[in-house]
Amino acid sequence: MSEATGQDDVHLDLDTLRVLAQDRLRAVGLAPDHAVAVAETMVAGERDGCASHGIYRLLVAANSVARGVVVPDAVPVVTEPARALARVDGGGGFAQLAFARGLPLLVEKARANGIAALALNNVVHFAALWPEVEALAEQGLVALAFTPSHAWVAPEGGTKPVFGTNPVAFGWPRPGGMPFVFDFATSVVARGEIELHRRAGRPVPDDWGYDAQGRPTTDAEQVLAGAMRTFGGHKGSALAAMVELIAGPLIGDLTSAESLAADAARGGSPIGGELIVAIDPAGFLGDAVATHLARAEAMFAAIEVQGARLPSSRRHAARRHSLAHGVTLSRALYDDILRIAA
């Protein structure tokens, strides 16, 4: 159910939010199986308090469909290029369904070989990577995921875009608890955060990016038209280059610059590939898995006992609250969603 909670916000339970997302995605032409997979990622982001990767992304996905960037009824094709490798050609569709089709084979190969990798090719990306690594960690596997995006980010020492936001995600299974997961862009901030600042008319910090002339700016719109910065200076820049290589040329897919060129000024989401690596701890440890996972728990405890926060703990707290109480959207965003394909 939905409920107006004031002039500026709307409260929805997660089931209502899911139905709303699927309905709007089908309304813009997404095939039903794509609509279900894509909506689930958006609902997960909103549920976990990740507003920049939550239901706001309905607007992003609808735009990519409307501009012909994504194939709305693409049929993913799964192949096995090598014993420990799997590949899914997404056929130009969104990445969510391609991942869902390749996940069982990736898990099977990781358990059979100790380690396996899945390449998603020819897909359109708009979301975070943590749902992928969390899904693998929930099955007892250690996971990493990487993807380029559009060339929006300048290398350290430059002011012109070369890299995408190029996220890196990691998942670690925790017996009896939620997985340890982190997912961060190698840019100083996710692009969606800058877009949310633009929508709200708020300035951004002056170290987030440059305008089109290469000058630091606090104007979100000018950063979106210019270049974002990497996090951590040269370290983030090097990681961004790594992501370009291992999720682009290594798997035969596009770099961020090539993705932007393929978009051809349509203004859609990034086009390209994703690399996901899964490792079965039992491959190294055999019957000693429980002993060594317990040693990992000692490390987590040493972090938390001094008041430090584990990555993903804030998401998990938001998840517990949302499962019990639902989520709240701004009235402006809710109205924009209702106007999708109206």
C-alpha atoms as a PDB file:
ATOM      1  CA  MET A   1       0.000   0.000   0.000  1.00  0.00           C
ATOM      2  CA  SER A   2       1.012   3.626  -0.444  1.00  0.00           C
ATOM      3  CA  GLU A   3       0.381   6.467   1.917  1.00  0.00           C
ATOM      4  CA  ALA A   4       0.935  10.204   1.678  1.00  0.00           C
ATOM      5  CA  THR A   5       3.003  11.242   4.690  1.00  0.00           C
ATOM      6  CA  GLY A   6       3.109  14.946   4.066  1.00  0.00           C
ATOM      7  CA  GLN A   7       3.175  17.515   1.299  1.00  0.00           C
ATOM      8  CA  ASP A   8       6.644  16.500   0.155  1.00  0.00           C
ATOM      9  CA  ASP A   9       6.818  12.724   0.540  1.00  0.00           C
ATOM     10  CA  VAL A  10       5.025   9.452  -0.149  1.00  0.00           C
ATOM     11  CA  HIS A  11       5.350   6.275   1.899  1.00  0.00           C
ATOM     12  CA  LEU A  12       5.175   2.842   0.246  1.00  0.00           C
ATOM     13  CA  ASP A  13       5.683  -0.685   1.450  1.00  0.00           C
ATOM     14  CA  LEU A  14       8.175  -2.740  -0.548  1.00  0.00           C
ATOM     15  CA  ASP A  15       5.577  -4.875  -2.294  1.00  0.00           C
ATOM     16  CA  THR A  16       3.813  -1.762  -3.579  1.00  0.00           C
ATOM     17  CA  LEU A  17       7.126  -0.292  -4.682  1.00  0.00           C
ATOM     18  CA  ARG A  18       7.970  -3.515  -6.540  1.00  0.00           C
ATOM     19  CA  VAL A  19       4.630  -3.551  -8.360  1.00  0.00           C
ATOM     20  CA  LEU A  20       5.017   0.130  -9.243  1.00  0.00           C
ATOM     21  CA  ALA A  21       8.513  -0.446 -10.666  1.00  0.00           C
ATOM     22  CA  GLN A  22       7.489  -3.493 -12.703  1.00  0.00           C
ATOM     23  CA  ASP A  23       4.409  -1.706 -14.014  1.00  0.00           C
ATOM     24  CA  ARG A  24       6.362   1.354 -15.164  1.00  0.00           C
ATOM     25  CA  LEU A  25       9.062  -0.791 -16.788  1.00  0.00           C
ATOM     26  CA  ARG A  26       6.498  -2.821 -18.707  1.00  0.00           C
ATOM     27  CA  ALA A  27       4.777   0.422 -19.694  1.00  0.00           C
ATOM     28  CA  VAL A  28       7.928   1.652 -21.455  1.00  0.00           C
ATOM     29  CA  GLY A  29       8.188  -1.641 -23.330  1.00  0.00           C
ATOM     30  CA  LEU A  30      10.410  -3.948 -21.263  1.00  0.00           C
ATOM     31  CA  ALA A  31       9.615  -7.631 -21.636  1.00  0.00           C
ATOM     32  CA  PRO A  32       8.129  -9.134 -18.452  1.00  0.00           C
ATOM     33  CA  ASP A  33      11.233 -11.137 -17.461  1.00  0.00           C
ATOM     34  CA  HIS A  34      13.425  -8.065 -17.861  1.00  0.00           C
ATOM     35  CA  ALA A  35      10.943  -5.922 -15.923  1.00  0.00           C
ATOM     36  CA  VAL A  36      11.010  -8.325 -12.975  1.00  0.00           C
ATOM     37  CA  ALA A  37      14.828  -8.545 -12.867  1.00  0.00           C
ATOM     38  CA  VAL A  38      15.399  -4.812 -13.311  1.00  0.00           C
ATOM     39  CA  ALA A  39      12.736  -3.804 -10.787  1.00  0.00           C
ATOM     40  CA  GLU A  40      14.224  -6.091  -8.151  1.00  0.00           C
ATOM     41  CA  THR A  41      17.570  -4.297  -8.355  1.00  0.00           C
ATOM     42  CA  MET A  42      15.902  -0.901  -7.966  1.00  0.00           C
ATOM     43  CA  VAL A  43      13.764  -2.052  -5.049  1.00  0.00           C
ATOM     44  CA  ALA A  44      16.862  -3.517  -3.362  1.00  0.00           C
ATOM     45  CA  GLY A  45      18.665  -0.188  -3.671  1.00  0.00           C
ATOM     46  CA  GLU A  46      15.740   1.766  -2.208  1.00  0.00           C
ATOM     47  CA  ARG A  47      15.233  -0.850   0.522  1.00  0.00           C
ATOM     48  CA  ASP A  48      18.870  -0.542   1.554  1.00  0.00           C
ATOM     49  CA  GLY A  49      18.892   3.257   1.698  1.00  0.00           C
ATOM     50  CA  CYS A  50      20.903   3.683  -1.530  1.00  0.00           C
ATOM     51  CA  ALA A  51      18.836   6.506  -3.001  1.00  0.00           C
ATOM     52  CA  SER A  52      21.185   7.135  -5.927  1.00  0.00           C
ATOM     53  CA  HIS A  53      20.768   3.491  -7.020  1.00  0.00           C
ATOM     54  CA  GLY A  54      17.188   3.014  -5.867  1.00  0.00           C
ATOM     55  CA  ILE A  55      13.828   3.708  -7.437  1.00  0.00           C
ATOM     56  CA  TYR A  56      15.157   6.949  -8.938  1.00  0.00           C
ATOM     57  CA  ARG A  57      16.819   4.648 -11.489  1.00  0.00           C
ATOM     58  CA  LEU A  58      13.391   4.010 -13.010  1.00  0.00           C
ATOM     59  CA  LEU A  59      13.829   7.365 -14.718  1.00  0.00           C
ATOM     60  CA  VAL A  60      17.270   6.324 -15.960  1.00  0.00           C
ATOM     61  CA  ALA A  61      16.094   2.957 -17.283  1.00  0.00           C
ATOM     62  CA  ALA A  62      13.018   4.428 -18.943  1.00  0.00           C
ATOM     63  CA  ASN A  63      15.198   7.005 -20.669  1.00  0.00           C
ATOM     64  CA  SER A  64      17.513   4.294 -22.046  1.00  0.00           C
ATOM     65  CA  VAL A  65      14.547   2.366 -23.442  1.00  0.00           C
ATOM     66  CA  ALA A  66      12.945   5.458 -24.928  1.00  0.00           C
ATOM     67  CA  ARG A  67      16.185   6.478 -26.663  1.00  0.00           C
ATOM     68  CA  GLY A  68      16.733   3.061 -28.173  1.00  0.00           C
ATOM     69  CA  VAL A  69      19.890   2.333 -26.188  1.00  0.00           C
ATOM     70  CA  VAL A  70      18.590  -0.927 -24.703  1.00  0.00           C
ATOM     71  CA  VAL A  71      16.912  -3.868 -26.439  1.00  0.00           C
ATOM     72  CA  PRO A  72      13.741  -4.286 -24.346  1.00  0.00           C
ATOM     73  CA  ASP A  73      13.081  -7.936 -25.205  1.00  0.00           C
ATOM     74  CA  ALA A  74      16.665  -9.217 -25.532  1.00  0.00           C
ATOM     75  CA  VAL A  75      17.190 -12.943 -24.937  1.00  0.00           C
ATOM     76  CA  PRO A  76      20.456 -13.649 -23.036  1.00  0.00           C
ATOM     77  CA  VAL A  77      22.558 -16.505 -24.456  1.00  0.00           C
ATOM     78  CA  VAL A  78      24.755 -18.519 -22.065  1.00  0.00           C
ATOM     79  CA  THR A  79      27.945 -20.214 -23.298  1.00  0.00           C
ATOM     80  CA  GLU A  80      30.997 -21.924 -21.744  1.00  0.00           C
ATOM     81  CA  PRO A  81      34.255 -20.725 -23.351  1.00  0.00           C
ATOM     82  CA  ALA A  82      36.429 -22.758 -20.934  1.00  0.00           C
ATOM     83  CA  ARG A  83      36.132 -25.128 -17.995  1.00  0.00           C
ATOM     84  CA  ALA A  84      36.132 -22.399 -15.345  1.00  0.00           C
ATOM     85  CA  LEU A  85      34.618 -19.654 -17.485  1.00  0.00           C
ATOM     86  CA  ALA A  86      31.066 -18.735 -18.392  1.00  0.00           C
ATOM     87  CA  ARG A  87      29.781 -16.045 -20.698  1.00  0.00           C
ATOM     88  CA  VAL A  88      26.372 -14.478 -21.243  1.00  0.00           C
ATOM     89  CA  ASP A  89      25.687 -12.394 -24.331  1.00  0.00           C
ATOM     90  CA  GLY A  90      22.959 -10.086 -23.133  1.00  0.00           C
ATOM     91  CA  GLY A  91      21.861  -9.157 -26.652  1.00  0.00           C
ATOM     92  CA  GLY A  92      21.793  -5.460 -25.801  1.00  0.00           C
ATOM     93  CA  GLY A  93      19.399  -5.824 -22.871  1.00  0.00           C
ATOM     94  CA  PHE A  94      19.811  -4.674 -19.292  1.00  0.00           C
ATOM     95  CA  ALA A  95      22.451  -6.570 -17.302  1.00  0.00           C
ATOM     96  CA  GLN A  96      20.121  -7.879 -14.583  1.00  0.00           C
ATOM     97  CA  LEU A  97      18.513 -10.682 -16.580  1.00  0.00           C
ATOM     98  CA  ALA A  98      21.851 -11.666 -18.146  1.00  0.00           C
ATOM     99  CA  PHE A  99      23.349 -12.046 -14.672  1.00  0.00           C
ATOM    100  CA  ALA A 100      20.385 -14.080 -13.452  1.00  0.00           C
ATOM    101  CA  ARG A 101      20.760 -16.458 -16.400  1.00  0.00           C
ATOM    102  CA  GLY A 102      24.502 -16.879 -15.836  1.00  0.00           C
ATOM    103  CA  LEU A 103      24.491 -17.123 -12.034  1.00  0.00           C
ATOM    104  CA  PRO A 104      23.694 -20.853 -11.690  1.00  0.00           C
ATOM    105  CA  LEU A 105      26.488 -21.828 -14.081  1.00  0.00           C
ATOM    106  CA  LEU A 106      28.979 -19.524 -12.339  1.00  0.00           C
ATOM    107  CA  VAL A 107      28.175 -21.085  -8.953  1.00  0.00           C
ATOM    108  CA  GLU A 108      28.435 -24.599 -10.397  1.00  0.00           C
ATOM    109  CA  LYS A 109      31.827 -23.881 -11.984  1.00  0.00           C
ATOM    110  CA  ALA A 110      33.204 -22.178  -8.862  1.00  0.00           C
ATOM    111  CA  ARG A 111      32.323 -25.198  -6.731  1.00  0.00           C
ATOM    112  CA  ALA A 112      33.711 -27.649  -9.299  1.00  0.00           C
ATOM    113  CA  ASN A 113      36.974 -25.786  -9.962  1.00  0.00           C
ATOM    114  CA  GLY A 114      37.521 -23.704  -6.829  1.00  0.00           C
ATOM    115  CA  ILE A 115      37.351 -20.488  -8.857  1.00  0.00           C
ATOM    116  CA  ALA A 116      35.344 -19.369 -11.870  1.00  0.00           C
ATOM    117  CA  ALA A 117      34.572 -16.201 -13.790  1.00  0.00           C
ATOM    118  CA  LEU A 118      31.492 -14.952 -15.592  1.00  0.00           C
ATOM    119  CA  ALA A 119      31.637 -12.394 -18.400  1.00  0.00           C
ATOM    120  CA  LEU A 120      28.499 -10.456 -19.229  1.00  0.00           C
ATOM    121  CA  ASN A 121      28.800  -9.048 -22.736  1.00  0.00           C
ATOM    122  CA  ASN A 122      26.682  -6.648 -24.740  1.00  0.00           C
ATOM    123  CA  VAL A 123      24.583  -5.427 -21.805  1.00  0.00           C
ATOM    124  CA  VAL A 124      23.354  -2.056 -20.577  1.00  0.00           C
ATOM    125  CA  HIS A 125      24.260  -0.985 -17.035  1.00  0.00           C
ATOM    126  CA  PHE A 126      22.462   1.466 -14.761  1.00  0.00           C
ATOM    127  CA  ALA A 127      22.796   0.000 -11.260  1.00  0.00           C
ATOM    128  CA  ALA A 128      25.175  -0.867  -8.446  1.00  0.00           C
ATOM    129  CA  LEU A 129      27.204  -4.094  -8.401  1.00  0.00           C
ATOM    130  CA  TRP A 130      26.586  -5.157  -4.816  1.00  0.00           C
ATOM    131  CA  PRO A 131      23.470  -7.241  -5.657  1.00  0.00           C
ATOM    132  CA  GLU A 132      25.670  -9.518  -7.784  1.00  0.00           C
ATOM    133  CA  VAL A 133      28.381 -10.110  -5.187  1.00  0.00           C
ATOM    134  CA  GLU A 134      25.838 -10.400  -2.373  1.00  0.00           C
ATOM    135  CA  ALA A 135      23.974 -13.112  -4.288  1.00  0.00           C
ATOM    136  CA  LEU A 136      27.203 -15.108  -4.560  1.00  0.00           C
ATOM    137  CA  ALA A 137      28.272 -14.522  -0.951  1.00  0.00           C
ATOM    138  CA  GLU A 138      24.878 -15.770   0.215  1.00  0.00           C
ATOM    139  CA  GLN A 139      25.798 -19.080  -1.435  1.00  0.00           C
ATOM    140  CA  GLY A 140      29.061 -19.289   0.503  1.00  0.00           C
ATOM    141  CA  LEU A 141      31.328 -17.917  -2.230  1.00  0.00           C
ATOM    142  CA  VAL A 142      33.783 -15.020  -2.210  1.00  0.00           C
ATOM    143  CA  ALA A 143      33.005 -12.682  -5.102  1.00  0.00           C
ATOM    144  CA  LEU A 144      34.378  -9.719  -7.016  1.00  0.00           C
ATOM    145  CA  ALA A 145      32.676  -7.704  -9.756  1.00  0.00           C
ATOM    146  CA  PHE A 146      33.842  -4.944 -12.098  1.00  0.00           C
ATOM    147  CA  THR A 147      32.327  -2.898 -14.908  1.00  0.00           C
ATOM    148  CA  PRO A 148      33.283   0.214 -16.902  1.00  0.00           C
ATOM    149  CA  SER A 149      30.630   2.794 -17.750  1.00  0.00           C
ATOM    150  CA  HIS A 150      30.589   5.933 -19.930  1.00  0.00           C
ATOM    151  CA  ALA A 151      33.704   8.132 -20.078  1.00  0.00           C
ATOM    152  CA  TRP A 152      32.687  10.629 -17.412  1.00  0.00           C
ATOM    153  CA  VAL A 153      35.784  10.648 -15.191  1.00  0.00           C
ATOM    154  CA  ALA A 154      39.137  12.355 -15.685  1.00  0.00           C
ATOM    155  CA  PRO A 155      42.379  10.569 -14.786  1.00  0.00           C
ATOM    156  CA  GLU A 156      44.338  12.077 -11.909  1.00  0.00           C
ATOM    157  CA  GLY A 157      46.361  14.982 -13.278  1.00  0.00           C
ATOM    158  CA  GLY A 158      43.926  15.563 -16.143  1.00  0.00           C
ATOM    159  CA  THR A 159      40.562  17.250 -16.578  1.00  0.00           C
ATOM    160  CA  LYS A 160      39.081  15.442 -19.586  1.00  0.00           C
ATOM    161  CA  PRO A 161      37.008  12.246 -19.255  1.00  0.00           C
ATOM    162  CA  VAL A 162      38.674   8.900 -19.999  1.00  0.00           C
ATOM    163  CA  PHE A 163      37.272   6.494 -17.392  1.00  0.00           C
ATOM    164  CA  GLY A 164      33.814   5.573 -16.299  1.00  0.00           C
ATOM    165  CA  THR A 165      32.785   5.586 -12.655  1.00  0.00           C
ATOM    166  CA  ASN A 166      34.161   2.021 -12.850  1.00  0.00           C
ATOM    167  CA  PRO A 167      32.927   0.388  -9.650  1.00  0.00           C
ATOM    168  CA  VAL A 168      34.601  -2.455  -7.774  1.00  0.00           C
ATOM    169  CA  ALA A 169      32.472  -4.761  -5.603  1.00  0.00           C
ATOM    170  CA  PHE A 170      33.472  -7.502  -3.158  1.00  0.00           C
ATOM    171  CA  GLY A 171      31.454 -10.046  -1.198  1.00  0.00           C
ATOM    172  CA  TRP A 172      32.497 -12.344   1.671  1.00  0.00           C
ATOM    173  CA  PRO A 173      30.213 -14.982   3.232  1.00  0.00           C
ATOM    174  CA  ARG A 174      29.571 -14.743   6.978  1.00  0.00           C
ATOM    175  CA  PRO A 175      28.122 -17.868   8.605  1.00  0.00           C
ATOM    176  CA  GLY A 176      24.896 -17.028  10.379  1.00  0.00           C
ATOM    177  CA  GLY A 177      24.925 -13.391   9.304  1.00  0.00           C
ATOM    178  CA  MET A 178      24.625 -10.994   6.394  1.00  0.00           C
ATOM    179  CA  PRO A 179      27.588 -11.090   3.978  1.00  0.00           C
ATOM    180  CA  PHE A 180      30.399  -8.563   4.191  1.00  0.00           C
ATOM    181  CA  VAL A 181      29.935  -6.516   1.019  1.00  0.00           C
ATOM    182  CA  PHE A 182      31.372  -3.342  -0.354  1.00  0.00           C
ATOM    183  CA  ASP A 183      30.744  -1.633  -3.667  1.00  0.00           C
ATOM    184  CA  PHE A 184      32.289   1.688  -4.541  1.00  0.00           C
ATOM    185  CA  ALA A 185      32.926   3.723  -7.634  1.00  0.00           C
ATOM    186  CA  THR A 186      36.530   4.559  -8.417  1.00  0.00           C
ATOM    187  CA  SER A 187      35.234   8.081  -9.069  1.00  0.00           C
ATOM    188  CA  VAL A 188      35.072  10.367  -6.044  1.00  0.00           C
ATOM    189  CA  VAL A 189      31.308   9.764  -5.897  1.00  0.00           C
ATOM    190  CA  ALA A 190      28.679   7.839  -7.841  1.00  0.00           C
ATOM    191  CA  ARG A 191      27.296   9.808 -10.784  1.00  0.00           C
ATOM    192  CA  GLY A 192      23.801   9.318  -9.446  1.00  0.00           C
ATOM    193  CA  GLU A 193      24.738  11.348  -6.363  1.00  0.00           C
ATOM    194  CA  ILE A 194      25.622  14.310  -8.582  1.00  0.00           C
ATOM    195  CA  GLU A 195      22.364  13.875 -10.496  1.00  0.00           C
ATOM    196  CA  LEU A 196      20.402  13.918  -7.221  1.00  0.00           C
ATOM    197  CA  HIS A 197      22.170  17.158  -6.263  1.00  0.00           C
ATOM    198  CA  ARG A 198      21.238  18.607  -9.666  1.00  0.00           C
ATOM    199  CA  ARG A 199      17.590  17.608  -9.244  1.00  0.00           C
ATOM    200  CA  ALA A 200      17.500  19.200  -5.794  1.00  0.00           C
ATOM    201  CA  GLY A 201      19.328  22.366  -6.894  1.00  0.00           C
ATOM    202  CA  ARG A 202      22.114  21.759  -4.368  1.00  0.00           C
ATOM    203  CA  PRO A 203      25.809  22.525  -4.953  1.00  0.00           C
ATOM    204  CA  VAL A 204      28.357  19.703  -4.884  1.00  0.00           C
ATOM    205  CA  PRO A 205      31.725  19.824  -3.079  1.00  0.00           C
ATOM    206  CA  ASP A 206      34.405  21.555  -5.119  1.00  0.00           C
ATOM    207  CA  ASP A 207      36.561  18.419  -5.324  1.00  0.00           C
ATOM    208  CA  TRP A 208      33.936  16.301  -7.111  1.00  0.00           C
ATOM    209  CA  GLY A 209      34.682  17.458 -10.630  1.00  0.00           C
ATOM    210  CA  TYR A 210      35.391  19.988 -13.335  1.00  0.00           C
ATOM    211  CA  ASP A 211      33.333  21.972 -15.792  1.00  0.00           C
ATOM    212  CA  ALA A 212      33.758  21.538 -19.548  1.00  0.00           C
ATOM    213  CA  GLN A 213      36.689  23.969 -19.496  1.00  0.00           C
ATOM    214  CA  GLY A 214      38.521  21.915 -16.865  1.00  0.00           C
ATOM    215  CA  ARG A 215      37.870  24.279 -13.948  1.00  0.00           C
ATOM    216  CA  PRO A 216      36.786  23.019 -10.497  1.00  0.00           C
ATOM    217  CA  THR A 217      33.111  23.788  -9.902  1.00  0.00           C
ATOM    218  CA  THR A 218      30.384  23.264  -7.319  1.00  0.00           C
ATOM    219  CA  ASP A 219      27.627  23.354  -9.954  1.00  0.00           C
ATOM    220  CA  ALA A 220      26.277  19.813 -10.321  1.00  0.00           C
ATOM    221  CA  GLU A 221      25.041  20.403 -13.859  1.00  0.00           C
ATOM    222  CA  GLN A 222      28.443  21.676 -14.955  1.00  0.00           C
ATOM    223  CA  VAL A 223      30.187  18.637 -13.451  1.00  0.00           C
ATOM    224  CA  LEU A 224      27.777  16.370 -15.338  1.00  0.00           C
ATOM    225  CA  ALA A 225      28.681  18.230 -18.531  1.00  0.00           C
ATOM    226  CA  GLY A 226      32.406  18.256 -17.729  1.00  0.00           C
ATOM    227  CA  ALA A 227      34.345  15.582 -15.856  1.00  0.00           C
ATOM    228  CA  MET A 228      34.192  13.842 -12.498  1.00  0.00           C
ATOM    229  CA  ARG A 229      37.315  13.103 -10.461  1.00  0.00           C
ATOM    230  CA  THR A 230      38.681   9.796  -9.207  1.00  0.00           C
ATOM    231  CA  PHE A 231      38.789   9.092  -5.471  1.00  0.00           C
ATOM    232  CA  GLY A 232      42.161   8.997  -3.738  1.00  0.00           C
ATOM    233  CA  GLY A 233      44.073  10.750  -6.484  1.00  0.00           C
ATOM    234  CA  HIS A 234      46.430   8.489  -8.426  1.00  0.00           C
ATOM    235  CA  LYS A 235      45.284   5.372  -6.512  1.00  0.00           C
ATOM    236  CA  GLY A 236      41.692   5.669  -7.642  1.00  0.00           C
ATOM    237  CA  SER A 237      42.903   6.541 -11.130  1.00  0.00           C
ATOM    238  CA  ALA A 238      44.956   3.329 -11.317  1.00  0.00           C
ATOM    239  CA  LEU A 239      42.013   1.238 -10.092  1.00  0.00           C
ATOM    240  CA  ALA A 240      39.778   2.864 -12.707  1.00  0.00           C
ATOM    241  CA  ALA A 241      42.280   1.890 -15.406  1.00  0.00           C
ATOM    242  CA  MET A 242      42.339  -1.691 -14.062  1.00  0.00           C
ATOM    243  CA  VAL A 243      38.543  -1.918 -14.319  1.00  0.00           C
ATOM    244  CA  GLU A 244      38.656  -0.608 -17.894  1.00  0.00           C
ATOM    245  CA  LEU A 245      41.081  -3.404 -18.825  1.00  0.00           C
ATOM    246  CA  ILE A 246      39.636  -6.435 -17.048  1.00  0.00           C
ATOM    247  CA  ALA A 247      35.979  -5.695 -17.802  1.00  0.00           C
ATOM    248  CA  GLY A 248      36.638  -4.284 -21.276  1.00  0.00           C
ATOM    249  CA  PRO A 249      39.388  -5.686 -23.531  1.00  0.00           C
ATOM    250  CA  LEU A 250      39.925  -8.804 -21.374  1.00  0.00           C
ATOM    251  CA  ILE A 251      36.376 -10.016 -22.028  1.00  0.00           C
ATOM    252  CA  GLY A 252      36.105  -8.535 -25.524  1.00  0.00           C
ATOM    253  CA  ASP A 253      33.845  -5.662 -24.594  1.00  0.00           C
ATOM    254  CA  LEU A 254      33.817  -1.865 -24.642  1.00  0.00           C
ATOM    255  CA  THR A 255      35.897   0.632 -22.710  1.00  0.00           C
ATOM    256  CA  SER A 256      34.126   3.623 -21.194  1.00  0.00           C
ATOM    257  CA  ALA A 257      35.194   5.855 -24.098  1.00  0.00           C
ATOM    258  CA  GLU A 258      33.883   3.290 -26.590  1.00  0.00           C
ATOM    259  CA  SER A 259      30.640   2.990 -24.625  1.00  0.00           C
ATOM    260  CA  LEU A 260      30.090   6.742 -24.818  1.00  0.00           C
ATOM    261  CA  ALA A 261      30.808   6.665 -28.554  1.00  0.00           C
ATOM    262  CA  ALA A 262      28.342   3.798 -29.028  1.00  0.00           C
ATOM    263  CA  ASP A 263      25.698   5.838 -27.214  1.00  0.00           C
ATOM    264  CA  ALA A 264      25.988   8.377 -30.059  1.00  0.00           C
ATOM    265  CA  ALA A 265      24.681  11.274 -27.950  1.00  0.00           C
ATOM    266  CA  ARG A 266      21.405   9.496 -27.137  1.00  0.00           C
ATOM    267  CA  GLY A 267      21.978  10.073 -23.416  1.00  0.00           C
ATOM    268  CA  GLY A 268      21.430   6.474 -22.364  1.00  0.00           C
ATOM    269  CA  SER A 269      23.043   4.226 -19.767  1.00  0.00           C
ATOM    270  CA  PRO A 270      26.493   2.662 -20.315  1.00  0.00           C
ATOM    271  CA  ILE A 271      26.827  -0.132 -22.863  1.00  0.00           C
ATOM    272  CA  GLY A 272      29.427  -2.856 -22.455  1.00  0.00           C
ATOM    273  CA  GLY A 273      30.449  -5.709 -20.219  1.00  0.00           C
ATOM    274  CA  GLU A 274      30.930  -6.893 -16.656  1.00  0.00           C
ATOM    275  CA  LEU A 275      33.366  -9.366 -15.125  1.00  0.00           C
ATOM    276  CA  ILE A 276      32.355 -11.377 -12.050  1.00  0.00           C
ATOM    277  CA  VAL A 277      34.787 -13.687 -10.253  1.00  0.00           C
ATOM    278  CA  ALA A 278      33.614 -16.308  -7.741  1.00  0.00           C
ATOM    279  CA  ILE A 279      35.920 -18.273  -5.393  1.00  0.00           C
ATOM    280  CA  ASP A 280      34.864 -21.251  -3.305  1.00  0.00           C
ATOM    281  CA  PRO A 281      36.748 -21.120   0.038  1.00  0.00           C
ATOM    282  CA  ALA A 282      36.524 -24.912   0.229  1.00  0.00           C
ATOM    283  CA  GLY A 283      38.749 -25.092  -2.829  1.00  0.00           C
ATOM    284  CA  PHE A 284      41.641 -23.844  -0.719  1.00  0.00           C
ATOM    285  CA  LEU A 285      40.560 -24.994   2.720  1.00  0.00           C
ATOM    286  CA  GLY A 286      38.632 -28.241   2.377  1.00  0.00           C
ATOM    287  CA  ASP A 287      37.196 -29.325   5.715  1.00  0.00           C
ATOM    288  CA  ALA A 288      38.919 -26.396   7.456  1.00  0.00           C
ATOM    289  CA  VAL A 289      36.537 -23.815   5.955  1.00  0.00           C
ATOM    290  CA  ALA A 290      34.660 -23.184   9.215  1.00  0.00           C
ATOM    291  CA  THR A 291      37.909 -22.657  11.161  1.00  0.00           C
ATOM    292  CA  HIS A 292      39.213 -20.034   8.769  1.00  0.00           C
ATOM    293  CA  LEU A 293      35.891 -18.242   8.341  1.00  0.00           C
ATOM    294  CA  ALA A 294      35.868 -17.943  12.134  1.00  0.00           C
ATOM    295  CA  ARG A 295      39.260 -16.205  11.924  1.00  0.00           C
ATOM    296  CA  ALA A 296      37.674 -13.714   9.553  1.00  0.00           C
ATOM    297  CA  GLU A 297      34.931 -13.098  12.103  1.00  0.00           C
ATOM    298  CA  ALA A 298      37.621 -12.225  14.657  1.00  0.00           C
ATOM    299  CA  MET A 299      38.863  -9.521  12.278  1.00  0.00           C
ATOM    300  CA  PHE A 300      35.351  -8.124  11.823  1.00  0.00           C
ATOM    301  CA  ALA A 301      34.893  -8.062  15.610  1.00  0.00           C
ATOM    302  CA  ALA A 302      38.189  -6.192  16.051  1.00  0.00           C
ATOM    303  CA  ILE A 303      36.923  -3.530  13.651  1.00  0.00           C
ATOM    304  CA  GLU A 304      33.541  -3.098  15.279  1.00  0.00           C
ATOM    305  CA  VAL A 305      34.657  -3.241  18.913  1.00  0.00           C
ATOM    306  CA  GLN A 306      36.421   0.105  18.520  1.00  0.00           C
ATOM    307  CA  GLY A 307      33.363   1.760  17.014  1.00  0.00           C
ATOM    308  CA  ALA A 308      34.386   1.515  13.367  1.00  0.00           C
ATOM    309  CA  ARG A 309      31.688   0.661  10.847  1.00  0.00           C
ATOM    310  CA  LEU A 310      31.886  -2.324   8.537  1.00  0.00           C
ATOM    311  CA  PRO A 311      31.000  -1.611   4.920  1.00  0.00           C
ATOM    312  CA  SER A 312      27.414  -2.692   4.218  1.00  0.00           C
ATOM    313  CA  SER A 313      26.342  -2.438   7.880  1.00  0.00           C
ATOM    314  CA  ARG A 314      24.472   0.795   7.179  1.00  0.00           C
ATOM    315  CA  ARG A 315      22.709  -0.835   4.217  1.00  0.00           C
ATOM    316  CA  HIS A 316      21.728  -3.802   6.350  1.00  0.00           C
ATOM    317  CA  ALA A 317      20.323  -1.525   9.054  1.00  0.00           C
ATOM    318  CA  ALA A 318      18.320   0.361   6.424  1.00  0.00           C
ATOM    319  CA  ARG A 319      17.109  -2.991   5.064  1.00  0.00           C
ATOM    320  CA  ARG A 320      15.787  -4.088   8.449  1.00  0.00           C
ATOM    321  CA  HIS A 321      13.899  -0.824   8.801  1.00  0.00           C
ATOM    322  CA  SER A 322      12.491  -0.901   5.262  1.00  0.00           C
ATOM    323  CA  LEU A 323      11.329  -4.496   5.542  1.00  0.00           C
ATOM    324  CA  ALA A 324       9.372  -3.550   8.630  1.00  0.00           C
ATOM    325  CA  HIS A 325       8.249  -0.027   7.790  1.00  0.00           C
ATOM    326  CA  GLY A 326       8.560   0.522   4.035  1.00  0.00           C
ATOM    327  CA  VAL A 327      10.289   3.435   2.313  1.00  0.00           C
ATOM    328  CA  THR A 328       9.613   7.111   1.755  1.00  0.00           C
ATOM    329  CA  LEU A 329       9.972   8.860  -1.615  1.00  0.00           C
ATOM    330  CA  SER A 330       9.949  12.562  -2.261  1.00  0.00           C
ATOM    331  CA  ARG A 331       6.732  13.788  -3.821  1.00  0.00           C
ATOM    332  CA  ALA A 332       8.650  15.143  -6.815  1.00  0.00           C
ATOM    333  CA  LEU A 333      10.306  11.790  -7.530  1.00  0.00           C
ATOM    334  CA  TYR A 334       7.055   9.881  -7.039  1.00  0.00           C
ATOM    335  CA  ASP A 335       5.243  12.186  -9.468  1.00  0.00           C
ATOM    336  CA  ASP A 336       8.062  11.802 -12.021  1.00  0.00           C
ATOM    337  CA  ILE A 337       7.740   8.009 -11.752  1.00  0.00           C
ATOM    338  CA  LEU A 338       3.974   8.149 -12.291  1.00  0.00           C
ATOM    339  CA  ARG A 339       4.578  10.200 -15.450  1.00  0.00           C
ATOM    340  CA  ILE A 340       6.780   7.464 -16.982  1.00  0.00           C
ATOM    341  CA  ALA A 341       4.954   6.323 -20.135  1.00  0.00           C
ATOM    342  CA  ALA A 342       1.766   7.902 -18.782  1.00  0.00           C
END
